[in-house]
Amino acid sequence: MNLPARTVGAMALLDLTVHPWDLARATGPPWTPDTEGLRVLEELVAVMGPAARKAGVFGEPAPMPAGASAFEALPAGTGRDPRWSRPAA
């Protein structure tokens, strides 16, 4: 990938943080990530976001709802609606 190891590690951590959130939102159980890695991931999304959006990896940043948590900013930065949940059956 020709990127620093720290960046590649942060990219893996981003996948291991956002995709479980996707799965939890789609299937219903609550899920909260470990908060210690959030600062690194916020930095990664801020730095890599424009290139990721250009490559189609991220969508445009979603609007941040009032009262959003620190974690909700992470999926919003990747183009996900941080307040999305599955429709009631």
Protein backbone atom coordinates (compact mmCIF):
# COMPACT_ATOMS: atom_id res chain seq x y z
CA MET A 1 0.00 0.00 0.00
CA ASN A 2 3.06 2.22 0.30
CA LEU A 3 1.62 3.87 3.42
CA PRO A 4 3.07 4.15 6.92
CA ALA A 5 2.30 1.12 9.10
CA ARG A 6 0.39 3.36 11.55
CA THR A 7 -1.93 4.47 8.74
CA VAL A 8 -2.55 0.92 7.53
CA GLY A 9 -3.22 -0.17 11.11
CA ALA A 10 -5.67 2.71 11.58
CA MET A 11 -7.42 1.73 8.34
CA ALA A 12 -7.86 -1.82 9.67
CA LEU A 13 -9.13 -0.46 12.99
CA LEU A 14 -11.60 1.74 11.10
CA ASP A 15 -12.98 -1.31 9.30
CA LEU A 16 -13.16 -3.22 12.60
CA THR A 17 -15.05 -0.33 14.18
CA VAL A 18 -17.44 0.91 11.51
CA HIS A 19 -18.50 -2.42 9.99
CA PRO A 20 -19.59 -3.94 13.33
CA TRP A 21 -21.59 -0.74 13.85
CA ASP A 22 -23.19 -1.31 10.42
CA LEU A 23 -24.07 -4.88 11.38
CA ALA A 24 -25.45 -3.92 14.80
CA ARG A 25 -27.60 -1.18 13.26
CA ALA A 26 -28.95 -3.57 10.65
CA THR A 27 -29.71 -6.39 13.08
CA GLY A 28 -30.75 -4.47 16.19
CA PRO A 29 -28.43 -5.16 19.12
CA PRO A 30 -26.67 -2.22 20.75
CA TRP A 31 -22.97 -1.83 20.00
CA THR A 32 -20.48 0.66 21.31
CA PRO A 33 -16.82 0.69 20.28
CA ASP A 34 -13.84 1.02 22.57
CA THR A 35 -13.35 4.77 22.89
CA GLU A 36 -9.55 4.76 23.10
CA GLY A 37 -9.08 4.35 19.36
CA LEU A 38 -11.62 6.99 18.34
CA ARG A 39 -9.16 9.90 18.22
CA VAL A 40 -6.89 7.99 15.83
CA LEU A 41 -9.88 7.07 13.67
CA GLU A 42 -11.22 10.63 13.64
CA GLU A 43 -7.81 11.82 12.44
CA LEU A 44 -7.70 9.10 9.77
CA VAL A 45 -11.16 9.98 8.43
CA ALA A 46 -10.26 13.68 8.39
CA VAL A 47 -7.01 13.09 6.50
CA MET A 48 -8.02 10.23 4.21
CA GLY A 49 -11.66 11.24 3.75
CA PRO A 50 -11.28 13.29 0.56
CA ALA A 51 -9.32 10.55 -1.21
CA ALA A 52 -11.69 7.86 0.11
CA ARG A 53 -14.71 9.79 -1.19
CA LYS A 54 -13.05 10.29 -4.57
CA ALA A 55 -12.37 6.53 -4.74
CA GLY A 56 -15.96 5.73 -3.76
CA VAL A 57 -14.95 4.16 -0.44
CA PHE A 58 -16.70 6.82 1.68
CA GLY A 59 -19.86 8.73 0.92
CA GLU A 60 -20.23 12.44 1.49
CA PRO A 61 -20.19 13.25 5.21
CA ALA A 62 -23.60 12.90 6.79
CA PRO A 63 -25.05 15.80 8.80
CA MET A 64 -24.30 15.57 12.50
CA PRO A 65 -27.45 15.48 14.62
CA ALA A 66 -27.75 17.75 17.65
CA GLY A 67 -26.34 16.07 20.73
CA ALA A 68 -24.31 13.57 18.71
CA SER A 69 -21.79 11.47 20.61
CA ALA A 70 -18.09 11.40 19.83
CA PHE A 71 -18.55 8.02 18.15
CA GLU A 72 -21.45 9.19 15.95
CA ALA A 73 -19.04 11.57 14.20
CA LEU A 74 -17.07 8.58 12.91
CA PRO A 75 -19.76 6.90 10.81
CA ALA A 76 -21.00 10.35 9.75
CA GLY A 77 -17.52 11.12 8.42
CA THR A 78 -17.65 7.99 6.26
CA GLY A 79 -21.03 8.95 4.81
CA ARG A 80 -23.27 6.93 7.13
CA ASP A 81 -26.25 8.42 8.96
CA PRO A 82 -25.21 8.03 12.60
CA ARG A 83 -28.84 7.82 13.72
CA TRP A 84 -29.96 5.25 11.12
CA SER A 85 -31.62 2.12 12.41
CA ARG A 86 -33.43 -0.71 10.70
CA PRO A 87 -37.08 -0.15 9.98
CA ALA A 88 -39.53 -1.78 12.38
CA ALA A 89 -40.81 -5.10 11.08
